[in-house]
Amino acid sequence: MLATLLRPFRRKSTPTVEEVEASVDRMARIKAKYDAAQTSADNSNHWSQSDNLSPDAANSKSVREVLRKRSRYEVGSNSYAQGIVKSIADITIGTGPRLQLLTGHEKTNDEIENEWLEWTHQIGLAEKLRTHRMARCGDGEAFLQFFTNPRVRHSVKLDLQGLEADHITDPTLKGLANEVDGIRYDEYGNPSEYLVKTHHPGSDVFYGEDDFRIVDASQMIHSFRSLRPGQHRGIPELTSALPLFAQLRRYTLAVLAAAESAANFALVIESNGPANDEDAAPDPLDEIELSRNMATTLPNGYHLGQVKAEQPVTTYGEFKKEILGEIARCLCIPKSIALGDSVGLNYSSGRLDHQSFFRAVDVDRSYIETHELDRIFAAWLFEYQLARSTFRHIPIAKLPAHTWFWDGLLHVDPEKEAKAQKIRLENGTTTYAREFSRNGEDWLVQFNQRAKEQAVLTELGLEFGDKAAPMSEPDENQGDENDG
């Protein structure tokens, strides 16, 4: 009885060699495999650059510097690259965001909105945001620092200074544990301080290791697209497309060189004579100067010919379109915007391409609102309350209810969009506020303006739209009656 109870706790005997081999074979049979995880002679070169580095190690200071320099070179030298970056900034930022307060105090809302608008005009906020967005695309990250500018023609002297990523770095090269190339973090992972070089590292001004200042995180806005969790510094959004720009330029130059080489030969003299007739044969590659409108004769057996121009080839345009389409994909923009040309697109395909792009613009604007505009508005409102000593009923610690309006994204077919808008309003699936916001307009401002216009029309006895009386059509027989 006792032996039976102790049997499960007895130590098993040492497995035999056959048992071990069978166990290993069974484990090998159930081990999952993936084609992408296999290394062969065919794909070893392709995967040779793959690594297991952390986000910050992969995007080290030296790597980011190389990517920034090459991206800036392409944007500055390649018209397509520059046009793409400008298009992204112009479409996303447009003429600049507009503020609408929702505090319930109409007088307060109007005054703060007007003062904010005036301040943004004085400091050129829209232009700075466009430059900021272009830097985020071309450099991978961009910085805006708050500072006091006494020359701002407004009661609020707050201003914003744009800084390139080169300014934010650690000149001491200490490499602290809580620091990532000039950005120091607290124990919770929040930025606490920024080390800002006073002069750009690429400038011709002499500077030393102590030529930097420490800026509190509350005075700095750092924007970049995080591609991996735990990433602290950004790389250019054009990174994956940089080799494609080089291919496009090389192919274009090669086609141009081939076409020029063919065009440099005006005429070629060919001979049907025997190859060993040295007396009659001219010197190889001998050049003959031709006179305009001349007539001449050639020796027996000779005739004139021209080099057949075979460049550019018929696939040249298709190659450029495919390369630019691949470039545009990493930026989530349609090929038509990258090319600046919509030839070959019909209405349906053009609208479908732009819908995904407009969604990407909405996502980008949402990031700008929460990460940049709300912080700018909070800093401005704090300074405005101190300067005016008014509106104490608006808490400083918490932003009042508000929303941001952007320029409307133009529709491919305005007529069809207007009909769809009318249907949405009639069946109650939308509101006037939402429809006006699509065009970047404040519904309350538009309704007030419409009321003013309607009052003037009523006073003058004019009517437009549905209420207007239709114009009387001429009687078909009127001309005959007059003639008779």
Protein backbone atom coordinates (compact mmCIF):
# COMPACT_ATOMS: atom_id res chain seq x y z
CA MET A 1 0.00 0.00 0.00
CA LEU A 2 2.77 2.45 0.92
CA ALA A 3 4.65 1.63 -2.28
CA THR A 4 1.60 2.47 -4.29
CA LEU A 5 1.25 5.89 -2.61
CA LEU A 6 4.91 6.78 -3.01
CA ARG A 7 5.11 5.69 -6.66
CA PRO A 8 4.32 9.23 -8.14
CA PHE A 9 7.07 10.79 -6.01
CA ARG A 10 9.78 8.34 -6.94
CA ARG A 11 12.58 9.65 -9.14
CA LYS A 12 12.33 8.43 -12.68
CA SER A 13 15.16 6.51 -14.20
CA THR A 14 17.60 8.28 -16.55
CA PRO A 15 16.13 8.38 -20.08
CA THR A 16 17.81 6.35 -22.74
CA VAL A 17 19.47 7.79 -25.84
CA GLU A 18 16.58 6.61 -27.96
CA GLU A 19 14.06 8.42 -25.74
CA VAL A 20 16.04 11.70 -25.92
CA GLU A 21 16.29 11.49 -29.72
CA ALA A 22 12.58 10.78 -29.99
CA SER A 23 11.78 13.78 -27.77
CA VAL A 24 14.02 16.10 -29.82
CA ASP A 25 12.51 14.80 -33.04
CA ARG A 26 9.01 15.43 -31.69
CA MET A 27 9.93 19.02 -30.68
CA ALA A 28 11.43 19.63 -34.11
CA ARG A 29 8.27 18.43 -35.78
CA ILE A 30 6.01 20.88 -33.87
CA LYS A 31 8.34 23.89 -34.20
CA ALA A 32 6.70 26.60 -36.32
CA LYS A 33 8.55 28.10 -39.28
CA TYR A 34 8.11 31.20 -41.42
CA ASP A 35 9.54 31.91 -44.84
CA ALA A 36 10.61 35.38 -43.71
CA ALA A 37 12.52 33.85 -40.78
CA GLN A 38 14.66 31.62 -43.01
CA THR A 39 18.09 32.74 -44.18
CA SER A 40 19.28 31.41 -47.50
CA ALA A 41 21.78 32.29 -50.17
CA ASP A 42 19.05 34.16 -52.04
CA ASN A 43 17.93 36.48 -49.22
CA SER A 44 21.01 36.76 -47.01
CA ASN A 45 22.13 40.02 -48.65
CA HIS A 46 18.66 41.50 -48.44
CA TRP A 47 18.39 40.93 -44.67
CA SER A 48 22.03 41.66 -43.85
CA GLN A 49 21.23 45.12 -42.47
CA SER A 50 18.46 43.98 -40.11
CA ASP A 51 19.16 44.39 -36.39
CA ASN A 52 17.59 44.15 -32.96
CA LEU A 53 18.52 47.62 -31.71
CA SER A 54 16.28 49.66 -29.43
CA PRO A 55 14.44 52.68 -30.90
CA ASP A 56 16.93 55.16 -29.47
CA ALA A 57 19.95 53.02 -30.43
CA ALA A 58 18.66 52.58 -33.98
CA ASN A 59 18.01 56.33 -34.24
CA SER A 60 21.28 57.36 -32.66
CA LYS A 61 22.73 60.83 -33.00
CA SER A 62 25.07 59.88 -35.86
CA VAL A 63 22.31 58.06 -37.77
CA ARG A 64 19.89 60.97 -37.44
CA GLU A 65 22.53 63.45 -38.59
CA VAL A 66 23.20 61.45 -41.76
CA LEU A 67 19.48 61.06 -42.51
CA ARG A 68 18.82 64.78 -41.94
CA LYS A 69 21.64 65.87 -44.22
CA ARG A 70 20.54 63.58 -47.02
CA SER A 71 16.90 64.48 -46.63
CA ARG A 72 17.69 68.21 -46.70
CA TYR A 73 19.81 67.67 -49.80
CA GLU A 74 16.97 65.94 -51.61
CA VAL A 75 14.40 68.55 -50.58
CA GLY A 76 16.73 71.32 -51.69
CA SER A 77 17.84 69.69 -54.95
CA ASN A 78 14.85 67.64 -56.09
CA SER A 79 11.81 69.59 -57.22
CA TYR A 80 9.52 66.61 -56.55
CA ALA A 81 10.77 66.23 -52.98
CA GLN A 82 10.39 69.93 -52.29
CA GLY A 83 6.95 70.04 -53.85
CA ILE A 84 5.78 67.07 -51.79
CA VAL A 85 6.99 68.59 -48.52
CA LYS A 86 5.44 71.96 -49.33
CA SER A 87 2.14 70.36 -50.36
CA ILE A 88 1.89 68.47 -47.07
CA ALA A 89 2.49 71.65 -45.06
CA ASP A 90 0.23 73.85 -47.18
CA ILE A 91 -2.68 71.40 -47.15
CA THR A 92 -2.37 70.49 -43.47
CA ILE A 93 -1.82 73.99 -42.03
CA GLY A 94 -3.32 76.09 -44.81
CA THR A 95 -3.90 79.69 -43.78
CA GLY A 96 -3.72 78.66 -40.14
CA PRO A 97 -6.06 77.29 -37.46
CA ARG A 98 -8.84 79.44 -36.03
CA LEU A 99 -10.08 79.35 -32.45
CA GLN A 100 -13.67 79.10 -31.23
CA LEU A 101 -14.36 79.34 -27.50
CA LEU A 102 -17.35 77.54 -26.00
CA THR A 103 -17.49 79.04 -22.50
CA GLY A 104 -21.12 80.19 -22.61
CA HIS A 105 -20.11 83.85 -22.26
CA GLU A 106 -20.55 85.25 -25.76
CA LYS A 107 -18.88 88.55 -25.00
CA THR A 108 -15.87 86.81 -23.48
CA ASN A 109 -15.71 84.38 -26.37
CA ASP A 110 -15.76 87.13 -28.98
CA GLU A 111 -13.11 89.22 -27.25
CA ILE A 112 -10.67 86.37 -26.64
CA GLU A 113 -11.16 84.98 -30.15
CA ASN A 114 -10.48 88.39 -31.69
CA GLU A 115 -7.45 89.02 -29.46
CA TRP A 116 -6.06 85.56 -30.25
CA LEU A 117 -6.53 86.14 -33.97
CA GLU A 118 -4.74 89.48 -33.78
CA TRP A 119 -1.86 87.95 -31.82
CA THR A 120 -1.43 85.10 -34.31
CA HIS A 121 -1.22 87.63 -37.13
CA GLN A 122 1.39 89.65 -35.27
CA ILE A 123 3.75 86.71 -34.66
CA GLY A 124 3.00 84.95 -37.97
CA LEU A 125 1.76 81.75 -36.31
CA ALA A 126 0.45 80.18 -39.53
CA GLU A 127 3.78 80.62 -41.30
CA LYS A 128 5.69 79.22 -38.33
CA LEU A 129 3.40 76.20 -38.18
CA ARG A 130 3.91 75.56 -41.90
CA THR A 131 7.70 75.73 -41.48
CA HIS A 132 7.38 73.53 -38.40
CA ARG A 133 5.44 70.93 -40.40
CA MET A 134 7.96 70.98 -43.26
CA ALA A 135 10.81 70.48 -40.78
CA ARG A 136 8.98 67.55 -39.23
CA CYS A 137 8.69 65.97 -42.67
CA GLY A 138 12.19 66.76 -43.93
CA ASP A 139 14.19 66.56 -40.68
CA GLY A 140 12.03 64.12 -38.75
CA GLU A 141 11.44 66.43 -35.80
CA ALA A 142 11.00 70.11 -35.06
CA PHE A 143 11.03 72.34 -31.98
CA LEU A 144 9.20 75.50 -30.96
CA GLN A 145 10.44 77.47 -27.97
CA PHE A 146 8.39 80.06 -26.09
CA PHE A 147 10.08 83.38 -25.44
CA THR A 148 9.19 86.99 -24.70
CA ASN A 149 9.45 89.33 -27.66
CA PRO A 150 8.99 92.99 -26.67
CA ARG A 151 8.49 93.96 -30.32
CA VAL A 152 5.26 92.01 -30.70
CA ARG A 153 2.56 94.63 -31.34
CA HIS A 154 0.10 93.17 -28.87
CA SER A 155 -0.52 93.30 -25.15
CA VAL A 156 0.76 89.70 -25.02
CA LYS A 157 4.48 89.67 -25.82
CA LEU A 158 4.68 85.90 -26.09
CA ASP A 159 6.37 84.60 -29.23
CA LEU A 160 7.59 81.32 -30.71
CA GLN A 161 11.06 80.54 -32.04
CA GLY A 162 11.52 77.62 -34.40
CA LEU A 163 14.58 75.44 -33.78
CA GLU A 164 16.06 72.73 -35.97
CA ALA A 165 16.84 69.34 -34.48
CA ASP A 166 20.58 70.16 -34.64
CA HIS A 167 20.13 72.69 -31.83
CA ILE A 168 18.89 70.07 -29.35
CA THR A 169 21.91 67.96 -28.47
CA ASP A 170 24.26 67.30 -25.58
CA PRO A 171 27.56 69.04 -26.32
CA THR A 172 29.20 67.44 -23.26
CA LEU A 173 28.64 63.92 -24.67
CA LYS A 174 28.12 62.58 -21.14
CA GLY A 175 25.30 60.29 -22.16
CA LEU A 176 23.35 60.23 -18.92
CA ALA A 177 20.91 57.40 -18.26
CA ASN A 178 17.90 59.72 -18.23
CA GLU A 179 18.96 61.70 -21.31
CA VAL A 180 18.54 61.11 -25.04
CA ASP A 181 20.79 63.45 -27.03
CA GLY A 182 19.95 66.70 -25.26
CA ILE A 183 16.53 65.79 -23.85
CA ARG A 184 16.39 64.90 -20.17
CA TYR A 185 13.51 62.91 -18.71
CA ASP A 186 12.11 62.52 -15.23
CA GLU A 187 11.48 59.22 -13.48
CA TYR A 188 8.10 58.89 -15.22
CA GLY A 189 9.47 59.35 -18.73
CA ASN A 190 8.29 62.94 -19.18
CA PRO A 191 10.66 65.51 -20.72
CA SER A 192 12.02 67.77 -18.00
CA GLU A 193 14.80 69.78 -19.65
CA TYR A 194 16.19 70.50 -23.10
CA LEU A 195 19.85 71.27 -23.80
CA VAL A 196 19.77 73.88 -26.57
CA LYS A 197 22.89 75.01 -28.39
CA THR A 198 22.98 78.76 -28.76
CA HIS A 199 24.40 78.57 -32.28
CA HIS A 200 23.57 76.08 -34.99
CA PRO A 201 26.31 73.41 -35.20
CA GLY A 202 26.51 74.04 -38.94
CA SER A 203 27.04 77.79 -38.64
CA ASP A 204 30.38 79.54 -39.13
CA VAL A 205 30.27 80.97 -35.61
CA PHE A 206 32.90 79.68 -33.21
CA TYR A 207 31.40 77.99 -30.20
CA GLY A 208 32.62 75.77 -27.38
CA GLU A 209 31.17 73.00 -25.26
CA ASP A 210 29.59 75.51 -22.87
CA ASP A 211 27.75 77.31 -25.69
CA PHE A 212 24.32 75.96 -24.75
CA ARG A 213 21.44 76.75 -22.43
CA ILE A 214 19.06 74.59 -20.43
CA VAL A 215 15.38 75.17 -21.26
CA ASP A 216 12.58 73.87 -19.09
CA ALA A 217 10.22 71.44 -20.81
CA SER A 218 7.27 73.77 -20.20
CA GLN A 219 8.88 76.25 -22.61
CA MET A 220 9.50 73.82 -25.45
CA ILE A 221 7.32 71.98 -27.96
CA HIS A 222 8.89 68.90 -29.54
CA SER A 223 7.05 67.32 -32.46
CA PHE A 224 7.89 64.13 -34.32
CA ARG A 225 6.23 61.00 -35.66
CA SER A 226 6.93 58.06 -33.34
CA LEU A 227 7.27 54.87 -35.37
CA ARG A 228 8.20 52.61 -32.44
CA PRO A 229 7.16 52.51 -28.76
CA GLY A 230 9.78 54.19 -26.61
CA GLN A 231 11.17 56.33 -29.42
CA HIS A 232 12.37 59.75 -28.19
CA ARG A 233 13.85 61.39 -31.31
CA GLY A 234 12.45 61.47 -34.82
CA ILE A 235 13.85 60.59 -38.21
CA PRO A 236 12.78 62.19 -41.53
CA GLU A 237 9.43 61.06 -42.84
CA LEU A 238 11.19 60.75 -46.21
CA THR A 239 13.70 58.21 -44.87
CA SER A 240 12.36 55.17 -46.71
CA ALA A 241 12.03 57.18 -49.94
CA LEU A 242 15.51 58.75 -50.00
CA PRO A 243 17.08 55.95 -52.15
CA LEU A 244 14.17 56.25 -54.58
CA PHE A 245 14.83 59.96 -55.10
CA ALA A 246 18.45 59.10 -55.97
CA GLN A 247 17.29 56.45 -58.45
CA LEU A 248 14.88 58.89 -60.07
CA ARG A 249 17.58 61.52 -60.51
CA ARG A 250 20.14 59.03 -61.84
CA TYR A 251 17.70 57.62 -64.36
CA THR A 252 16.68 61.09 -65.53
CA LEU A 253 20.32 62.14 -65.97
CA ALA A 254 21.11 58.93 -67.84
CA VAL A 255 18.20 59.44 -70.24
CA LEU A 256 19.20 63.07 -70.77
CA ALA A 257 22.83 62.14 -71.43
CA ALA A 258 21.81 59.52 -73.97
CA ALA A 259 19.54 61.98 -75.75
CA GLU A 260 22.25 64.65 -75.82
CA SER A 261 24.83 62.19 -77.15
CA ALA A 262 22.54 61.28 -80.02
CA ALA A 263 21.72 64.93 -80.73
CA ASN A 264 25.40 65.95 -80.85
CA PHE A 265 25.82 64.07 -84.15
CA ALA A 266 24.18 66.15 -86.87
CA LEU A 267 25.12 63.81 -89.74
CA VAL A 268 27.09 60.63 -90.22
CA ILE A 269 28.84 59.75 -93.48
CA GLU A 270 28.59 56.07 -94.26
CA SER A 271 30.43 54.14 -96.95
CA ASN A 272 29.61 50.96 -98.81
CA GLY A 273 33.19 50.59 -100.02
CA PRO A 274 35.49 47.77 -98.97
CA ALA A 275 37.07 48.07 -95.55
CA ASN A 276 40.62 47.74 -96.98
CA ASP A 277 40.30 50.69 -99.38
CA GLU A 278 42.62 52.95 -97.40
CA ASP A 279 42.96 55.60 -100.13
CA ALA A 280 39.24 56.27 -100.35
CA ALA A 281 38.49 55.92 -96.63
CA PRO A 282 38.40 59.17 -94.62
CA ASP A 283 40.00 59.45 -91.20
CA PRO A 284 37.86 57.84 -88.49
CA LEU A 285 35.70 60.30 -86.52
CA ASP A 286 36.85 63.13 -88.79
CA GLU A 287 34.64 66.22 -88.41
CA ILE A 288 33.33 68.15 -91.42
CA GLU A 289 32.02 71.69 -91.05
CA LEU A 290 28.74 72.31 -92.89
CA SER A 291 27.47 75.59 -94.32
CA ARG A 292 23.83 76.63 -94.16
CA ASN A 293 21.63 75.81 -97.17
CA MET A 294 24.56 74.31 -99.08
CA ALA A 295 24.38 71.66 -101.79
CA THR A 296 27.16 69.11 -102.13
CA THR A 297 28.08 65.81 -103.71
CA LEU A 298 29.55 62.75 -102.07
CA PRO A 299 32.15 60.33 -103.43
CA ASN A 300 30.97 57.15 -105.00
CA GLY A 301 29.75 54.68 -102.39
CA TYR A 302 29.15 57.29 -99.66
CA HIS A 303 25.87 58.59 -98.31
CA LEU A 304 24.69 60.76 -95.42
CA GLY A 305 22.81 59.47 -92.40
CA GLN A 306 21.66 60.58 -88.96
CA VAL A 307 21.92 58.93 -85.55
CA LYS A 308 18.50 57.58 -84.61
CA ALA A 309 17.28 59.31 -81.45
CA GLU A 310 16.01 56.57 -79.14
CA GLN A 311 15.82 58.63 -75.94
CA PRO A 312 13.74 59.16 -73.97
CA VAL A 313 12.29 55.69 -74.26
CA THR A 314 8.55 55.14 -74.06
CA THR A 315 8.87 53.69 -70.55
CA TYR A 316 10.53 56.82 -69.16
CA GLY A 317 7.27 58.46 -68.07
CA GLU A 318 5.90 55.23 -66.59
CA PHE A 319 9.10 54.73 -64.61
CA LYS A 320 8.86 58.20 -63.10
CA LYS A 321 5.21 57.69 -62.17
CA GLU A 322 5.89 54.37 -60.48
CA ILE A 323 8.86 55.72 -58.52
CA LEU A 324 6.94 58.80 -57.40
CA GLY A 325 3.97 56.63 -56.43
CA GLU A 326 6.25 54.55 -54.23
CA ILE A 327 7.76 57.71 -52.73
CA ALA A 328 4.35 59.19 -52.03
CA ARG A 329 3.13 56.04 -50.28
CA CYS A 330 5.35 56.48 -47.21
CA LEU A 331 3.87 59.97 -46.77
CA CYS A 332 0.25 58.82 -47.29
CA ILE A 333 -0.30 61.22 -50.17
CA PRO A 334 -1.87 60.28 -53.53
CA LYS A 335 0.27 60.02 -56.63
CA SER A 336 -1.57 62.93 -58.24
CA ILE A 337 -0.35 65.32 -55.52
CA ALA A 338 3.20 63.97 -55.69
CA LEU A 339 3.22 64.45 -59.47
CA GLY A 340 1.20 67.65 -59.47
CA ASP A 341 -0.71 66.07 -62.32
CA SER A 342 -4.09 64.30 -62.42
CA VAL A 343 -4.01 63.26 -66.07
CA GLY A 344 -5.48 59.79 -66.49
CA LEU A 345 -7.57 59.89 -63.32
CA ASN A 346 -11.35 59.75 -63.44
CA TYR A 347 -13.66 61.18 -60.81
CA SER A 348 -14.04 57.97 -58.78
CA SER A 349 -10.36 57.09 -58.56
CA GLY A 350 -9.37 60.69 -57.81
CA ARG A 351 -11.91 60.96 -55.01
CA LEU A 352 -10.92 57.59 -53.54
CA ASP A 353 -7.24 58.54 -53.47
CA HIS A 354 -7.99 61.87 -51.83
CA GLN A 355 -10.25 60.36 -49.18
CA SER A 356 -7.42 58.37 -47.63
CA PHE A 357 -5.15 61.41 -47.87
CA PHE A 358 -7.73 63.67 -46.20
CA ARG A 359 -8.03 61.11 -43.41
CA ALA A 360 -4.27 61.32 -42.89
CA VAL A 361 -4.56 65.14 -42.82
CA ASP A 362 -7.28 64.90 -40.15
CA VAL A 363 -5.05 62.67 -38.03
CA ASP A 364 -2.15 65.07 -38.45
CA ARG A 365 -4.31 68.05 -37.52
CA SER A 366 -5.56 66.25 -34.42
CA TYR A 367 -1.95 65.72 -33.34
CA ILE A 368 -1.16 69.40 -33.95
CA GLU A 369 -4.22 70.50 -31.95
CA THR A 370 -3.47 68.45 -28.85
CA HIS A 371 0.31 68.54 -28.94
CA GLU A 372 0.99 72.06 -30.19
CA LEU A 373 -2.01 74.40 -30.41
CA ASP A 374 -3.50 73.65 -27.00
CA ARG A 375 -0.14 74.29 -25.35
CA ILE A 376 0.33 77.51 -27.30
CA PHE A 377 -3.19 78.68 -26.45
CA ALA A 378 -2.71 77.83 -22.75
CA ALA A 379 0.52 79.85 -22.58
CA TRP A 380 -1.07 82.74 -24.47
CA LEU A 381 -4.21 82.76 -22.30
CA PHE A 382 -2.10 82.85 -19.14
CA GLU A 383 -0.16 85.87 -20.45
CA TYR A 384 -3.37 87.51 -21.67
CA GLN A 385 -5.04 87.22 -18.28
CA LEU A 386 -1.99 88.73 -16.60
CA ALA A 387 -1.79 91.55 -19.14
CA ARG A 388 -5.50 92.46 -18.97
CA SER A 389 -6.29 91.39 -15.40
CA THR A 390 -9.71 90.31 -16.64
CA PHE A 391 -11.69 87.15 -17.26
CA ARG A 392 -10.85 85.74 -13.85
CA HIS A 393 -13.82 83.42 -14.18
CA ILE A 394 -11.83 81.37 -16.69
CA PRO A 395 -9.58 78.95 -14.75
CA ILE A 396 -5.91 79.13 -15.70
CA ALA A 397 -5.12 75.56 -14.69
CA LYS A 398 -7.63 74.18 -17.18
CA LEU A 399 -8.26 75.30 -20.71
CA PRO A 400 -11.82 76.48 -21.39
CA ALA A 401 -13.97 74.48 -23.77
CA HIS A 402 -12.88 75.28 -27.29
CA THR A 403 -12.44 73.89 -30.76
CA TRP A 404 -10.18 74.57 -33.72
CA PHE A 405 -11.23 75.33 -37.29
CA TRP A 406 -9.02 74.61 -40.27
CA ASP A 407 -9.23 75.42 -43.94
CA GLY A 408 -11.72 73.15 -45.66
CA LEU A 409 -10.40 70.34 -47.82
CA LEU A 410 -11.59 71.02 -51.35
CA HIS A 411 -13.89 68.44 -52.89
CA VAL A 412 -13.17 66.89 -56.27
CA ASP A 413 -16.72 67.66 -57.47
CA PRO A 414 -18.29 70.62 -55.57
CA GLU A 415 -21.70 70.08 -57.17
CA LYS A 416 -22.00 66.49 -55.98
CA GLU A 417 -20.74 67.43 -52.54
CA ALA A 418 -23.33 70.21 -52.27
CA LYS A 419 -26.10 67.74 -53.12
CA ALA A 420 -24.79 65.26 -50.56
CA GLN A 421 -24.63 68.01 -47.95
CA LYS A 422 -28.24 68.96 -48.64
CA ILE A 423 -29.36 65.34 -48.22
CA ARG A 424 -27.46 64.99 -44.93
CA LEU A 425 -29.10 68.12 -43.54
CA GLU A 426 -32.58 67.08 -44.68
CA ASN A 427 -32.44 63.59 -43.16
CA GLY A 428 -30.86 64.85 -39.93
CA THR A 429 -27.60 62.88 -40.12
CA THR A 430 -25.48 66.01 -39.72
CA THR A 431 -25.60 69.51 -38.26
CA TYR A 432 -24.88 72.95 -39.60
CA ALA A 433 -21.95 73.20 -37.20
CA ARG A 434 -20.35 70.08 -38.64
CA GLU A 435 -20.97 71.08 -42.25
CA PHE A 436 -19.53 74.55 -41.75
CA SER A 437 -16.55 73.09 -39.92
CA ARG A 438 -15.79 70.96 -42.99
CA ASN A 439 -15.07 74.24 -44.77
CA GLY A 440 -13.14 75.64 -41.82
CA GLU A 441 -15.93 78.07 -40.91
CA ASP A 442 -17.69 78.91 -37.65
CA TRP A 443 -21.40 78.18 -37.99
CA LEU A 444 -22.37 80.94 -35.55
CA VAL A 445 -20.37 83.55 -37.45
CA GLN A 446 -21.88 82.40 -40.74
CA PHE A 447 -25.45 82.47 -39.38
CA ASN A 448 -24.96 85.98 -37.97
CA GLN A 449 -23.58 87.12 -41.30
CA ARG A 450 -26.49 85.47 -43.11
CA ALA A 451 -28.97 87.26 -40.82
CA LYS A 452 -27.34 90.62 -41.57
CA GLU A 453 -27.45 89.95 -45.30
CA GLN A 454 -31.08 88.84 -45.12
CA ALA A 455 -32.02 92.02 -43.24
CA VAL A 456 -30.42 94.16 -45.94
CA LEU A 457 -32.12 92.16 -48.70
CA THR A 458 -35.49 92.58 -47.01
CA GLU A 459 -34.93 96.31 -46.60
CA LEU A 460 -34.05 96.68 -50.27
CA GLY A 461 -36.85 94.41 -51.43
CA LEU A 462 -34.49 91.86 -52.95
CA GLU A 463 -34.77 88.09 -52.79
CA PHE A 464 -32.38 85.36 -53.86
CA GLY A 465 -32.43 81.61 -53.73
CA ASP A 466 -35.65 79.63 -53.37
CA LYS A 467 -37.74 82.69 -52.50
CA ALA A 468 -36.75 84.57 -55.61
CA ALA A 469 -39.40 84.79 -58.30
CA PRO A 470 -38.39 82.89 -61.42
CA MET A 471 -37.51 85.00 -64.38
CA SER A 472 -40.35 85.14 -66.91
CA GLU A 473 -39.55 83.32 -70.08
CA PRO A 474 -40.30 85.14 -73.34
CA ASP A 475 -43.40 84.05 -75.19
CA GLU A 476 -42.55 82.04 -78.27
CA ASN A 477 -45.27 83.88 -80.29
CA GLN A 478 -44.33 87.34 -79.00
CA GLY A 479 -41.91 87.97 -81.82
CA ASP A 480 -44.46 86.89 -84.43
CA GLU A 481 -47.13 89.20 -83.00
CA ASN A 482 -44.82 92.16 -83.02
CA ASP A 483 -43.76 91.42 -86.50
CA GLY A 484 -47.37 91.27 -87.61
